[in-house]
Amino acid sequence: MNTSNDSYDLRHPINDEHANLHACAYAADADAKPYDDALSHWQQAHLDTRVIWRRQLTLQDGMSVLLAAWQMPHLPRWEWEAIDLRQDRHLCGGNCDSSLAAMRAADAWPALCGDEFAVLA
């Protein structure tokens, strides 16, 4: 049995908490400004009574992914999630203190998977 952390495929992390810690740490370290141009590819949408922020991209292996960020009613934290659109399955997710941090955490997810060249779909 190989116990090296290098052998883990980050698309299937040990658990969501593990991936969320890395993504939120990346988002916090990125020192983004509130109107950072890197976030201009996020679009606002409505789902039920919630406002969500979404971004669709394609990974190098052809996987089409939806990144989403939203705030649950009456809760101070923002949720984020990466979803495989073809198989309609949860890939990763977590929560952060602000909408900006949640979007940056979701944006960080492809790079954490080793896919630094994801393109907007």
PDB file of N, CA and C in Angstrom:
ATOM      1  N   MET A   1       0.843  -1.181   0.000  1.00  0.00           N
ATOM      2  CA  MET A   1       0.000   0.000   0.000  1.00  0.00           C
ATOM      3  C   MET A   1       0.882   1.236   0.000  1.00  0.00           C
ATOM      4  N   ASN A   2       0.637   2.111  -0.937  1.00  0.00           N
ATOM      5  CA  ASN A   2       1.386   3.354  -1.034  1.00  0.00           C
ATOM      6  C   ASN A   2       0.718   4.398  -0.148  1.00  0.00           C
ATOM      7  N   THR A   3       1.453   4.951   0.793  1.00  0.00           N
ATOM      8  CA  THR A   3       0.876   5.942   1.701  1.00  0.00           C
ATOM      9  C   THR A   3       1.328   7.351   1.372  1.00  0.00           C
ATOM     10  N   SER A   4       2.012   7.536   0.275  1.00  0.00           N
ATOM     11  CA  SER A   4       2.497   8.857  -0.116  1.00  0.00           C
ATOM     12  C   SER A   4       1.335   9.763  -0.502  1.00  0.00           C
ATOM     13  N   ASN A   5       1.360  11.004  -0.031  1.00  0.00           N
ATOM     14  CA  ASN A   5       0.335  11.975  -0.414  1.00  0.00           C
ATOM     15  C   ASN A   5       0.392  12.291  -1.892  1.00  0.00           C
ATOM     16  N   ASP A   6       1.543  12.072  -2.532  1.00  0.00           N
ATOM     17  CA  ASP A   6       1.682  12.354  -3.956  1.00  0.00           C
ATOM     18  C   ASP A   6       0.806  11.454  -4.810  1.00  0.00           C
ATOM     19  N   SER A   7       0.377  10.330  -4.260  1.00  0.00           N
ATOM     20  CA  SER A   7      -0.388   9.382  -5.057  1.00  0.00           C
ATOM     21  C   SER A   7      -1.880   9.714  -5.089  1.00  0.00           C
ATOM     22  N   TYR A   8      -2.330  10.676  -4.304  1.00  0.00           N
ATOM     23  CA  TYR A   8      -3.747  11.013  -4.278  1.00  0.00           C
ATOM     24  C   TYR A   8      -4.142  11.827  -5.496  1.00  0.00           C
ATOM     25  N   ASP A   9      -5.255  11.478  -6.094  1.00  0.00           N
ATOM     26  CA  ASP A   9      -5.860  12.280  -7.153  1.00  0.00           C
ATOM     27  C   ASP A   9      -6.732  13.311  -6.450  1.00  0.00           C
ATOM     28  N   LEU A  10      -6.402  14.586  -6.572  1.00  0.00           N
ATOM     29  CA  LEU A  10      -7.122  15.609  -5.822  1.00  0.00           C
ATOM     30  C   LEU A  10      -8.551  15.812  -6.301  1.00  0.00           C
ATOM     31  N   ARG A  11      -8.940  15.217  -7.417  1.00  0.00           N
ATOM     32  CA  ARG A  11     -10.353  15.286  -7.789  1.00  0.00           C
ATOM     33  C   ARG A  11     -11.162  14.408  -6.851  1.00  0.00           C
ATOM     34  N   HIS A  12     -10.473  13.500  -6.184  1.00  0.00           N
ATOM     35  CA  HIS A  12     -11.104  12.630  -5.199  1.00  0.00           C
ATOM     36  C   HIS A  12     -10.311  12.755  -3.909  1.00  0.00           C
ATOM     37  N   PRO A  13     -10.355  13.946  -3.265  1.00  0.00           N
ATOM     38  CA  PRO A  13      -9.540  14.163  -2.077  1.00  0.00           C
ATOM     39  C   PRO A  13      -9.978  13.251  -0.945  1.00  0.00           C
ATOM     40  N   ILE A  14      -9.146  13.197   0.095  1.00  0.00           N
ATOM     41  CA  ILE A  14      -9.464  12.389   1.261  1.00  0.00           C
ATOM     42  C   ILE A  14     -10.882  12.713   1.717  1.00  0.00           C
ATOM     43  N   ASN A  15     -11.219  13.977   1.780  1.00  0.00           N
ATOM     44  CA  ASN A  15     -12.581  14.418   2.050  1.00  0.00           C
ATOM     45  C   ASN A  15     -12.701  15.881   1.628  1.00  0.00           C
ATOM     46  N   ASP A  16     -13.928  16.380   1.611  1.00  0.00           N
ATOM     47  CA  ASP A  16     -14.149  17.767   1.189  1.00  0.00           C
ATOM     48  C   ASP A  16     -13.463  18.757   2.105  1.00  0.00           C
ATOM     49  N   GLU A  17     -13.377  18.421   3.390  1.00  0.00           N
ATOM     50  CA  GLU A  17     -12.740  19.341   4.331  1.00  0.00           C
ATOM     51  C   GLU A  17     -11.277  19.551   3.948  1.00  0.00           C
ATOM     52  N   HIS A  18     -10.602  18.489   3.537  1.00  0.00           N
ATOM     53  CA  HIS A  18      -9.203  18.562   3.111  1.00  0.00           C
ATOM     54  C   HIS A  18      -9.060  19.513   1.928  1.00  0.00           C
ATOM     55  N   ALA A  19      -9.892  19.338   0.916  1.00  0.00           N
ATOM     56  CA  ALA A  19      -9.818  20.189  -0.272  1.00  0.00           C
ATOM     57  C   ALA A  19     -10.228  21.620   0.053  1.00  0.00           C
ATOM     58  N   ASN A  20     -11.243  21.784   0.897  1.00  0.00           N
ATOM     59  CA  ASN A  20     -11.701  23.126   1.255  1.00  0.00           C
ATOM     60  C   ASN A  20     -10.616  23.893   1.995  1.00  0.00           C
ATOM     61  N   LEU A  21      -9.885  23.237   2.881  1.00  0.00           N
ATOM     62  CA  LEU A  21      -8.803  23.901   3.602  1.00  0.00           C
ATOM     63  C   LEU A  21      -7.756  24.429   2.636  1.00  0.00           C
ATOM     64  N   HIS A  22      -7.379  23.603   1.671  1.00  0.00           N
ATOM     65  CA  HIS A  22      -6.382  24.027   0.689  1.00  0.00           C
ATOM     66  C   HIS A  22      -6.908  25.171  -0.176  1.00  0.00           C
ATOM     67  N   ALA A  23      -8.142  25.046  -0.653  1.00  0.00           N
ATOM     68  CA  ALA A  23      -8.704  26.071  -1.532  1.00  0.00           C
ATOM     69  C   ALA A  23      -8.902  27.391  -0.792  1.00  0.00           C
ATOM     70  N   CYS A  24      -9.395  27.337   0.443  1.00  0.00           N
ATOM     71  CA  CYS A  24      -9.600  28.577   1.204  1.00  0.00           C
ATOM     72  C   CYS A  24      -8.266  29.213   1.569  1.00  0.00           C
ATOM     73  N   ALA A  25      -7.266  28.389   1.863  1.00  0.00           N
ATOM     74  CA  ALA A  25      -5.938  28.939   2.157  1.00  0.00           C
ATOM     75  C   ALA A  25      -5.380  29.624   0.919  1.00  0.00           C
ATOM     76  N   TYR A  26      -5.564  29.005  -0.243  1.00  0.00           N
ATOM     77  CA  TYR A  26      -5.107  29.604  -1.492  1.00  0.00           C
ATOM     78  C   TYR A  26      -5.823  30.928  -1.731  1.00  0.00           C
ATOM     79  N   ALA A  27      -7.127  30.943  -1.509  1.00  0.00           N
ATOM     80  CA  ALA A  27      -7.912  32.162  -1.729  1.00  0.00           C
ATOM     81  C   ALA A  27      -7.467  33.264  -0.784  1.00  0.00           C
ATOM     82  N   ALA A  28      -7.189  32.924   0.455  1.00  0.00           N
ATOM     83  CA  ALA A  28      -6.761  33.924   1.435  1.00  0.00           C
ATOM     84  C   ALA A  28      -5.383  34.472   1.093  1.00  0.00           C
ATOM     85  N   ASP A  29      -4.508  33.623   0.583  1.00  0.00           N
ATOM     86  CA  ASP A  29      -3.151  34.040   0.252  1.00  0.00           C
ATOM     87  C   ASP A  29      -3.071  34.815  -1.058  1.00  0.00           C
ATOM     88  N   ALA A  30      -4.106  34.754  -1.861  1.00  0.00           N
ATOM     89  CA  ALA A  30      -4.051  35.353  -3.194  1.00  0.00           C
ATOM     90  C   ALA A  30      -4.083  36.880  -3.161  1.00  0.00           C
ATOM     91  N   ASP A  31      -4.483  37.452  -2.045  1.00  0.00           N
ATOM     92  CA  ASP A  31      -4.476  38.906  -1.879  1.00  0.00           C
ATOM     93  C   ASP A  31      -5.266  39.606  -2.979  1.00  0.00           C
ATOM     94  N   ALA A  32      -6.459  39.082  -3.270  1.00  0.00           N
ATOM     95  CA  ALA A  32      -7.281  39.665  -4.332  1.00  0.00           C
ATOM     96  C   ALA A  32      -7.935  40.954  -3.867  1.00  0.00           C
ATOM     97  N   LYS A  33      -8.124  41.837  -4.801  1.00  0.00           N
ATOM     98  CA  LYS A  33      -8.848  43.069  -4.524  1.00  0.00           C
ATOM     99  C   LYS A  33     -10.335  42.797  -4.754  1.00  0.00           C
ATOM    100  N   PRO A  34     -11.231  43.548  -4.107  1.00  0.00           N
ATOM    101  CA  PRO A  34     -12.662  43.256  -4.236  1.00  0.00           C
ATOM    102  C   PRO A  34     -13.161  43.200  -5.679  1.00  0.00           C
ATOM    103  N   TYR A  35     -12.583  43.967  -6.584  1.00  0.00           N
ATOM    104  CA  TYR A  35     -13.053  43.956  -7.968  1.00  0.00           C
ATOM    105  C   TYR A  35     -11.984  43.397  -8.899  1.00  0.00           C
ATOM    106  N   ASP A  36     -11.301  42.390  -8.435  1.00  0.00           N
ATOM    107  CA  ASP A  36     -10.226  41.744  -9.179  1.00  0.00           C
ATOM    108  C   ASP A  36     -10.746  41.281 -10.541  1.00  0.00           C
ATOM    109  N   ASP A  37     -10.040  41.633 -11.614  1.00  0.00           N
ATOM    110  CA  ASP A  37     -10.442  41.257 -12.962  1.00  0.00           C
ATOM    111  C   ASP A  37     -10.484  39.745 -13.144  1.00  0.00           C
ATOM    112  N   ALA A  38      -9.725  39.011 -12.348  1.00  0.00           N
ATOM    113  CA  ALA A  38      -9.717  37.554 -12.454  1.00  0.00           C
ATOM    114  C   ALA A  38     -11.082  36.963 -12.123  1.00  0.00           C
ATOM    115  N   LEU A  39     -11.928  37.702 -11.432  1.00  0.00           N
ATOM    116  CA  LEU A  39     -13.256  37.200 -11.082  1.00  0.00           C
ATOM    117  C   LEU A  39     -14.330  37.667 -12.061  1.00  0.00           C
ATOM    118  N   SER A  40     -13.945  38.378 -13.108  1.00  0.00           N
ATOM    119  CA  SER A  40     -14.926  38.918 -14.048  1.00  0.00           C
ATOM    120  C   SER A  40     -15.637  37.824 -14.844  1.00  0.00           C
ATOM    121  N   HIS A  41     -15.112  36.615 -14.876  1.00  0.00           N
ATOM    122  CA  HIS A  41     -15.735  35.523 -15.618  1.00  0.00           C
ATOM    123  C   HIS A  41     -16.878  34.867 -14.837  1.00  0.00           C
ATOM    124  N   TRP A  42     -17.080  35.265 -13.596  1.00  0.00           N
ATOM    125  CA  TRP A  42     -18.201  34.749 -12.808  1.00  0.00           C
ATOM    126  C   TRP A  42     -19.470  35.493 -13.215  1.00  0.00           C
ATOM    127  N   GLN A  43     -20.575  34.752 -13.312  1.00  0.00           N
ATOM    128  CA  GLN A  43     -21.855  35.345 -13.700  1.00  0.00           C
ATOM    129  C   GLN A  43     -22.878  35.132 -12.592  1.00  0.00           C
ATOM    130  N   GLN A  44     -23.703  36.132 -12.403  1.00  0.00           N
ATOM    131  CA  GLN A  44     -24.752  36.029 -11.398  1.00  0.00           C
ATOM    132  C   GLN A  44     -25.957  35.326 -12.001  1.00  0.00           C
ATOM    133  N   ALA A  45     -26.573  34.444 -11.225  1.00  0.00           N
ATOM    134  CA  ALA A  45     -27.764  33.723 -11.667  1.00  0.00           C
ATOM    135  C   ALA A  45     -28.699  33.571 -10.465  1.00  0.00           C
ATOM    136  N   HIS A  46     -29.908  33.105 -10.735  1.00  0.00           N
ATOM    137  CA  HIS A  46     -30.876  32.891  -9.656  1.00  0.00           C
ATOM    138  C   HIS A  46     -31.260  31.422  -9.619  1.00  0.00           C
ATOM    139  N   LEU A  47     -31.335  30.873  -8.422  1.00  0.00           N
ATOM    140  CA  LEU A  47     -31.751  29.491  -8.210  1.00  0.00           C
ATOM    141  C   LEU A  47     -32.739  29.518  -7.058  1.00  0.00           C
ATOM    142  N   ASP A  48     -33.982  29.193  -7.346  1.00  0.00           N
ATOM    143  CA  ASP A  48     -35.055  29.340  -6.355  1.00  0.00           C
ATOM    144  C   ASP A  48     -35.060  30.792  -5.885  1.00  0.00           C
ATOM    145  N   THR A  49     -34.924  31.020  -4.605  1.00  0.00           N
ATOM    146  CA  THR A  49     -34.918  32.386  -4.074  1.00  0.00           C
ATOM    147  C   THR A  49     -33.509  32.896  -3.826  1.00  0.00           C
ATOM    148  N   ARG A  50     -32.510  32.097  -4.164  1.00  0.00           N
ATOM    149  CA  ARG A  50     -31.113  32.476  -3.911  1.00  0.00           C
ATOM    150  C   ARG A  50     -30.461  33.088  -5.133  1.00  0.00           C
ATOM    151  N   VAL A  51     -29.525  33.963  -4.858  1.00  0.00           N
ATOM    152  CA  VAL A  51     -28.635  34.481  -5.897  1.00  0.00           C
ATOM    153  C   VAL A  51     -27.359  33.659  -5.807  1.00  0.00           C
ATOM    154  N   ILE A  52     -26.927  33.127  -6.938  1.00  0.00           N
ATOM    155  CA  ILE A  52     -25.681  32.360  -6.954  1.00  0.00           C
ATOM    156  C   ILE A  52     -24.722  32.998  -7.956  1.00  0.00           C
ATOM    157  N   TRP A  53     -23.467  32.712  -7.770  1.00  0.00           N
ATOM    158  CA  TRP A  53     -22.439  33.089  -8.731  1.00  0.00           C
ATOM    159  C   TRP A  53     -21.961  31.800  -9.370  1.00  0.00           C
ATOM    160  N   ARG A  54     -21.805  31.809 -10.699  1.00  0.00           N
ATOM    161  CA  ARG A  54     -21.431  30.575 -11.395  1.00  0.00           C
ATOM    162  C   ARG A  54     -20.392  30.844 -12.466  1.00  0.00           C
ATOM    163  N   ARG A  55     -19.652  29.810 -12.759  1.00  0.00           N
ATOM    164  CA  ARG A  55     -18.633  29.850 -13.804  1.00  0.00           C
ATOM    165  C   ARG A  55     -18.538  28.441 -14.381  1.00  0.00           C
ATOM    166  N   GLN A  56     -18.518  28.328 -15.684  1.00  0.00           N
ATOM    167  CA  GLN A  56     -18.361  27.027 -16.324  1.00  0.00           C
ATOM    168  C   GLN A  56     -17.002  26.981 -16.996  1.00  0.00           C
ATOM    169  N   LEU A  57     -16.318  25.838 -16.873  1.00  0.00           N
ATOM    170  CA  LEU A  57     -15.013  25.688 -17.509  1.00  0.00           C
ATOM    171  C   LEU A  57     -14.815  24.257 -17.956  1.00  0.00           C
ATOM    172  N   THR A  58     -13.808  24.058 -18.786  1.00  0.00           N
ATOM    173  CA  THR A  58     -13.450  22.730 -19.265  1.00  0.00           C
ATOM    174  C   THR A  58     -12.026  22.439 -18.832  1.00  0.00           C
ATOM    175  N   LEU A  59     -11.829  21.301 -18.181  1.00  0.00           N
ATOM    176  CA  LEU A  59     -10.497  20.902 -17.747  1.00  0.00           C
ATOM    177  C   LEU A  59      -9.725  20.305 -18.918  1.00  0.00           C
ATOM    178  N   GLN A  60      -8.429  20.141 -18.746  1.00  0.00           N
ATOM    179  CA  GLN A  60      -7.577  19.608 -19.816  1.00  0.00           C
ATOM    180  C   GLN A  60      -8.054  18.260 -20.321  1.00  0.00           C
ATOM    181  N   ASP A  61      -8.607  17.439 -19.427  1.00  0.00           N
ATOM    182  CA  ASP A  61      -9.048  16.107 -19.840  1.00  0.00           C
ATOM    183  C   ASP A  61     -10.425  16.123 -20.504  1.00  0.00           C
ATOM    184  N   GLY A  62     -10.988  17.321 -20.728  1.00  0.00           N
ATOM    185  CA  GLY A  62     -12.271  17.446 -21.399  1.00  0.00           C
ATOM    186  C   GLY A  62     -13.470  17.493 -20.468  1.00  0.00           C
ATOM    187  N   MET A  63     -13.253  17.318 -19.172  1.00  0.00           N
ATOM    188  CA  MET A  63     -14.359  17.350 -18.225  1.00  0.00           C
ATOM    189  C   MET A  63     -14.953  18.758 -18.159  1.00  0.00           C
ATOM    190  N   SER A  64     -16.273  18.837 -18.324  1.00  0.00           N
ATOM    191  CA  SER A  64     -16.982  20.107 -18.217  1.00  0.00           C
ATOM    192  C   SER A  64     -17.418  20.281 -16.763  1.00  0.00           C
ATOM    193  N   VAL A  65     -17.005  21.400 -16.158  1.00  0.00           N
ATOM    194  CA  VAL A  65     -17.221  21.620 -14.728  1.00  0.00           C
ATOM    195  C   VAL A  65     -17.965  22.933 -14.504  1.00  0.00           C
ATOM    196  N   LEU A  66     -18.922  22.896 -13.598  1.00  0.00           N
ATOM    197  CA  LEU A  66     -19.597  24.099 -13.143  1.00  0.00           C
ATOM    198  C   LEU A  66     -19.070  24.428 -11.754  1.00  0.00           C
ATOM    199  N   LEU A  67     -18.582  25.651 -11.585  1.00  0.00           N
ATOM    200  CA  LEU A  67     -18.200  26.156 -10.272  1.00  0.00           C
ATOM    201  C   LEU A  67     -19.321  27.078  -9.820  1.00  0.00           C
ATOM    202  N   ALA A  68     -19.749  26.931  -8.580  1.00  0.00           N
ATOM    203  CA  ALA A  68     -20.837  27.761  -8.065  1.00  0.00           C
ATOM    204  C   ALA A  68     -20.509  28.236  -6.658  1.00  0.00           C
ATOM    205  N   ALA A  69     -20.983  29.432  -6.336  1.00  0.00           N
ATOM    206  CA  ALA A  69     -20.825  29.993  -4.990  1.00  0.00           C
ATOM    207  C   ALA A  69     -22.146  30.649  -4.605  1.00  0.00           C
ATOM    208  N   TRP A  70     -22.584  30.429  -3.379  1.00  0.00           N
ATOM    209  CA  TRP A  70     -23.843  30.986  -2.912  1.00  0.00           C
ATOM    210  C   TRP A  70     -23.840  31.086  -1.392  1.00  0.00           C
ATOM    211  N   GLN A  71     -24.753  31.899  -0.892  1.00  0.00           N
ATOM    212  CA  GLN A  71     -24.915  32.036   0.550  1.00  0.00           C
ATOM    213  C   GLN A  71     -26.259  31.443   0.934  1.00  0.00           C
ATOM    214  N   MET A  72     -26.243  30.549   1.905  1.00  0.00           N
ATOM    215  CA  MET A  72     -27.483  29.967   2.395  1.00  0.00           C
ATOM    216  C   MET A  72     -28.235  31.025   3.203  1.00  0.00           C
ATOM    217  N   PRO A  73     -29.558  31.032   3.120  1.00  0.00           N
ATOM    218  CA  PRO A  73     -30.330  32.016   3.885  1.00  0.00           C
ATOM    219  C   PRO A  73     -30.026  31.929   5.383  1.00  0.00           C
ATOM    220  N   HIS A  74     -29.869  33.065   5.988  1.00  0.00           N
ATOM    221  CA  HIS A  74     -29.675  33.203   7.435  1.00  0.00           C
ATOM    222  C   HIS A  74     -28.353  32.641   7.941  1.00  0.00           C
ATOM    223  N   LEU A  75     -27.409  32.385   7.051  1.00  0.00           N
ATOM    224  CA  LEU A  75     -26.088  31.912   7.467  1.00  0.00           C
ATOM    225  C   LEU A  75     -25.031  32.896   6.979  1.00  0.00           C
ATOM    226  N   PRO A  76     -24.012  33.141   7.787  1.00  0.00           N
ATOM    227  CA  PRO A  76     -23.006  34.136   7.399  1.00  0.00           C
ATOM    228  C   PRO A  76     -21.979  33.633   6.385  1.00  0.00           C
ATOM    229  N   ARG A  77     -21.833  32.319   6.237  1.00  0.00           N
ATOM    230  CA  ARG A  77     -20.777  31.788   5.379  1.00  0.00           C
ATOM    231  C   ARG A  77     -21.285  31.521   3.967  1.00  0.00           C
ATOM    232  N   TRP A  78     -20.355  31.536   3.015  1.00  0.00           N
ATOM    233  CA  TRP A  78     -20.647  31.277   1.611  1.00  0.00           C
ATOM    234  C   TRP A  78     -20.177  29.876   1.254  1.00  0.00           C
ATOM    235  N   GLU A  79     -21.015  29.122   0.553  1.00  0.00           N
ATOM    236  CA  GLU A  79     -20.692  27.773   0.086  1.00  0.00           C
ATOM    237  C   GLU A  79     -20.127  27.859  -1.331  1.00  0.00           C
ATOM    238  N   TRP A  80     -19.272  26.903  -1.686  1.00  0.00           N
ATOM    239  CA  TRP A  80     -18.821  26.780  -3.074  1.00  0.00           C
ATOM    240  C   TRP A  80     -18.799  25.305  -3.431  1.00  0.00           C
ATOM    241  N   GLU A  81     -18.960  25.014  -4.720  1.00  0.00           N
ATOM    242  CA  GLU A  81     -18.987  23.629  -5.167  1.00  0.00           C
ATOM    243  C   GLU A  81     -18.484  23.531  -6.602  1.00  0.00           C
ATOM    244  N   ALA A  82     -17.796  22.439  -6.887  1.00  0.00           N
ATOM    245  CA  ALA A  82     -17.399  22.073  -8.250  1.00  0.00           C
ATOM    246  C   ALA A  82     -18.243  20.858  -8.632  1.00  0.00           C
ATOM    247  N   ILE A  83     -18.904  20.932  -9.792  1.00  0.00           N
ATOM    248  CA  ILE A  83     -19.820  19.884 -10.226  1.00  0.00           C
ATOM    249  C   ILE A  83     -19.428  19.404 -11.617  1.00  0.00           C
ATOM    250  N   ASP A  84     -19.323  18.087 -11.784  1.00  0.00           N
ATOM    251  CA  ASP A  84     -19.102  17.473 -13.094  1.00  0.00           C
ATOM    252  C   ASP A  84     -20.440  17.542 -13.828  1.00  0.00           C
ATOM    253  N   LEU A  85     -20.520  18.360 -14.879  1.00  0.00           N
ATOM    254  CA  LEU A  85     -21.796  18.570 -15.563  1.00  0.00           C
ATOM    255  C   LEU A  85     -22.276  17.345 -16.328  1.00  0.00           C
ATOM    256  N   ARG A  86     -21.373  16.580 -16.892  1.00  0.00           N
ATOM    257  CA  ARG A  86     -21.789  15.415 -17.694  1.00  0.00           C
ATOM    258  C   ARG A  86     -22.415  14.333 -16.829  1.00  0.00           C
ATOM    259  N   GLN A  87     -21.850  14.128 -15.638  1.00  0.00           N
ATOM    260  CA  GLN A  87     -22.354  13.063 -14.770  1.00  0.00           C
ATOM    261  C   GLN A  87     -23.183  13.604 -13.611  1.00  0.00           C
ATOM    262  N   ASP A  88     -23.381  14.920 -13.572  1.00  0.00           N
ATOM    263  CA  ASP A  88     -24.149  15.571 -12.511  1.00  0.00           C
ATOM    264  C   ASP A  88     -23.719  15.053 -11.136  1.00  0.00           C
ATOM    265  N   ARG A  89     -22.408  15.186 -10.873  1.00  0.00           N
ATOM    266  CA  ARG A  89     -21.905  14.709  -9.582  1.00  0.00           C
ATOM    267  C   ARG A  89     -21.015  15.755  -8.923  1.00  0.00           C
ATOM    268  N   HIS A  90     -21.067  15.748  -7.608  1.00  0.00           N
ATOM    269  CA  HIS A  90     -20.260  16.644  -6.784  1.00  0.00           C
ATOM    270  C   HIS A  90     -18.799  16.217  -6.880  1.00  0.00           C
ATOM    271  N   LEU A  91     -17.910  17.169  -7.169  1.00  0.00           N
ATOM    272  CA  LEU A  91     -16.480  16.882  -7.214  1.00  0.00           C
ATOM    273  C   LEU A  91     -15.779  17.377  -5.961  1.00  0.00           C
ATOM    274  N   CYS A  92     -16.143  18.562  -5.524  1.00  0.00           N
ATOM    275  CA  CYS A  92     -15.494  19.155  -4.372  1.00  0.00           C
ATOM    276  C   CYS A  92     -16.321  20.356  -3.927  1.00  0.00           C
ATOM    277  N   GLY A  93     -16.081  20.815  -2.719  1.00  0.00           N
ATOM    278  CA  GLY A  93     -16.791  21.992  -2.242  1.00  0.00           C
ATOM    279  C   GLY A  93     -16.355  22.360  -0.848  1.00  0.00           C
ATOM    280  N   GLY A  94     -16.891  23.454  -0.369  1.00  0.00           N
ATOM    281  CA  GLY A  94     -16.562  23.905   0.970  1.00  0.00           C
ATOM    282  C   GLY A  94     -17.260  25.206   1.274  1.00  0.00           C
ATOM    283  N   ASN A  95     -16.762  25.915   2.271  1.00  0.00           N
ATOM    284  CA  ASN A  95     -17.360  27.197   2.610  1.00  0.00           C
ATOM    285  C   ASN A  95     -16.291  28.175   3.042  1.00  0.00           C
ATOM    286  N   CYS A  96     -16.607  29.453   2.902  1.00  0.00           N
ATOM    287  CA  CYS A  96     -15.670  30.540   3.196  1.00  0.00           C
ATOM    288  C   CYS A  96     -16.432  31.688   3.848  1.00  0.00           C
ATOM    289  N   ASP A  97     -15.687  32.689   4.282  1.00  0.00           N
ATOM    290  CA  ASP A  97     -16.278  33.819   4.995  1.00  0.00           C
ATOM    291  C   ASP A  97     -16.977  34.837   4.105  1.00  0.00           C
ATOM    292  N   SER A  98     -16.665  34.864   2.820  1.00  0.00           N
ATOM    293  CA  SER A  98     -17.246  35.885   1.944  1.00  0.00           C
ATOM    294  C   SER A  98     -17.468  35.319   0.549  1.00  0.00           C
ATOM    295  N   SER A  99     -18.237  36.047  -0.251  1.00  0.00           N
ATOM    296  CA  SER A  99     -18.473  35.617  -1.628  1.00  0.00           C
ATOM    297  C   SER A  99     -17.170  35.617  -2.418  1.00  0.00           C
ATOM    298  N   LEU A 100     -16.357  36.631  -2.211  1.00  0.00           N
ATOM    299  CA  LEU A 100     -15.074  36.720  -2.910  1.00  0.00           C
ATOM    300  C   LEU A 100     -14.180  35.529  -2.568  1.00  0.00           C
ATOM    301  N   ALA A 101     -14.101  35.197  -1.297  1.00  0.00           N
ATOM    302  CA  ALA A 101     -13.268  34.059  -0.882  1.00  0.00           C
ATOM    303  C   ALA A 101     -13.819  32.753  -1.444  1.00  0.00           C
ATOM    304  N   ALA A 102     -15.143  32.603  -1.484  1.00  0.00           N
ATOM    305  CA  ALA A 102     -15.740  31.379  -2.026  1.00  0.00           C
ATOM    306  C   ALA A 102     -15.447  31.242  -3.519  1.00  0.00           C
ATOM    307  N   MET A 103     -15.558  32.350  -4.265  1.00  0.00           N
ATOM    308  CA  MET A 103     -15.262  32.294  -5.698  1.00  0.00           C
ATOM    309  C   MET A 103     -13.781  32.007  -5.935  1.00  0.00           C
ATOM    310  N   ARG A 104     -12.912  32.602  -5.142  1.00  0.00           N
ATOM    311  CA  ARG A 104     -11.480  32.354  -5.308  1.00  0.00           C
ATOM    312  C   ARG A 104     -11.128  30.920  -4.914  1.00  0.00           C
ATOM    313  N   ALA A 105     -11.792  30.384  -3.894  1.00  0.00           N
ATOM    314  CA  ALA A 105     -11.553  28.992  -3.500  1.00  0.00           C
ATOM    315  C   ALA A 105     -11.981  28.051  -4.623  1.00  0.00           C
ATOM    316  N   ALA A 106     -13.149  28.310  -5.212  1.00  0.00           N
ATOM    317  CA  ALA A 106     -13.613  27.487  -6.332  1.00  0.00           C
ATOM    318  C   ALA A 106     -12.663  27.619  -7.520  1.00  0.00           C
ATOM    319  N   ASP A 107     -12.212  28.840  -7.796  1.00  0.00           N
ATOM    320  CA  ASP A 107     -11.254  29.058  -8.885  1.00  0.00           C
ATOM    321  C   ASP A 107      -9.950  28.310  -8.645  1.00  0.00           C
ATOM    322  N   ALA A 108      -9.575  28.140  -7.384  1.00  0.00           N
ATOM    323  CA  ALA A 108      -8.314  27.470  -7.053  1.00  0.00           C
ATOM    324  C   ALA A 108      -8.407  25.964  -7.251  1.00  0.00           C
ATOM    325  N   TRP A 109      -9.595  25.423  -7.235  1.00  0.00           N
ATOM    326  CA  TRP A 109      -9.767  23.975  -7.263  1.00  0.00           C
ATOM    327  C   TRP A 109      -9.095  23.288  -8.463  1.00  0.00           C
ATOM    328  N   PRO A 110      -9.251  23.772  -9.713  1.00  0.00           N
ATOM    329  CA  PRO A 110      -8.577  23.074 -10.824  1.00  0.00           C
ATOM    330  C   PRO A 110      -7.059  22.998 -10.647  1.00  0.00           C
ATOM    331  N   ALA A 111      -6.442  24.063 -10.164  1.00  0.00           N
ATOM    332  CA  ALA A 111      -4.987  24.053  -9.969  1.00  0.00           C
ATOM    333  C   ALA A 111      -4.596  23.058  -8.886  1.00  0.00           C
ATOM    334  N   LEU A 112      -5.425  22.920  -7.860  1.00  0.00           N
ATOM    335  CA  LEU A 112      -5.142  21.942  -6.808  1.00  0.00           C
ATOM    336  C   LEU A 112      -5.210  20.522  -7.346  1.00  0.00           C
ATOM    337  N   CYS A 113      -5.977  20.343  -8.430  1.00  0.00           N
ATOM    338  CA  CYS A 113      -6.076  19.026  -9.069  1.00  0.00           C
ATOM    339  C   CYS A 113      -4.937  18.797 -10.051  1.00  0.00           C
ATOM    340  N   GLY A 114      -4.082  19.795 -10.200  1.00  0.00           N
ATOM    341  CA  GLY A 114      -2.991  19.673 -11.161  1.00  0.00           C
ATOM    342  C   GLY A 114      -3.395  20.105 -12.554  1.00  0.00           C
ATOM    343  N   ASP A 115      -4.556  20.736 -12.697  1.00  0.00           N
ATOM    344  CA  ASP A 115      -5.049  21.181 -13.998  1.00  0.00           C
ATOM    345  C   ASP A 115      -4.986  22.699 -14.042  1.00  0.00           C
ATOM    346  N   GLU A 116      -3.813  23.224 -14.343  1.00  0.00           N
ATOM    347  CA  GLU A 116      -3.618  24.667 -14.300  1.00  0.00           C
ATOM    348  C   GLU A 116      -4.055  25.362 -15.579  1.00  0.00           C
ATOM    349  N   PHE A 117      -4.526  24.609 -16.556  1.00  0.00           N
ATOM    350  CA  PHE A 117      -4.887  25.209 -17.832  1.00  0.00           C
ATOM    351  C   PHE A 117      -6.357  24.996 -18.158  1.00  0.00           C
ATOM    352  N   ALA A 118      -7.215  25.066 -17.144  1.00  0.00           N
ATOM    353  CA  ALA A 118      -8.650  24.977 -17.381  1.00  0.00           C
ATOM    354  C   ALA A 118      -9.072  26.187 -18.206  1.00  0.00           C
ATOM    355  N   VAL A 119     -10.007  25.982 -19.110  1.00  0.00           N
ATOM    356  CA  VAL A 119     -10.449  27.082 -19.967  1.00  0.00           C
ATOM    357  C   VAL A 119     -11.933  27.330 -19.760  1.00  0.00           C
ATOM    358  N   LEU A 120     -12.334  28.580 -19.946  1.00  0.00           N
ATOM    359  CA  LEU A 120     -13.747  28.909 -19.850  1.00  0.00           C
ATOM    360  C   LEU A 120     -14.504  28.179 -20.943  1.00  0.00           C
ATOM    361  N   ALA A 121     -15.659  27.638 -20.582  1.00  0.00           N
ATOM    362  CA  ALA A 121     -16.463  26.909 -21.566  1.00  0.00           C
ATOM    363  C   ALA A 121     -17.358  27.865 -22.319  1.00  0.00           C
TER     364      ALA A 121
END
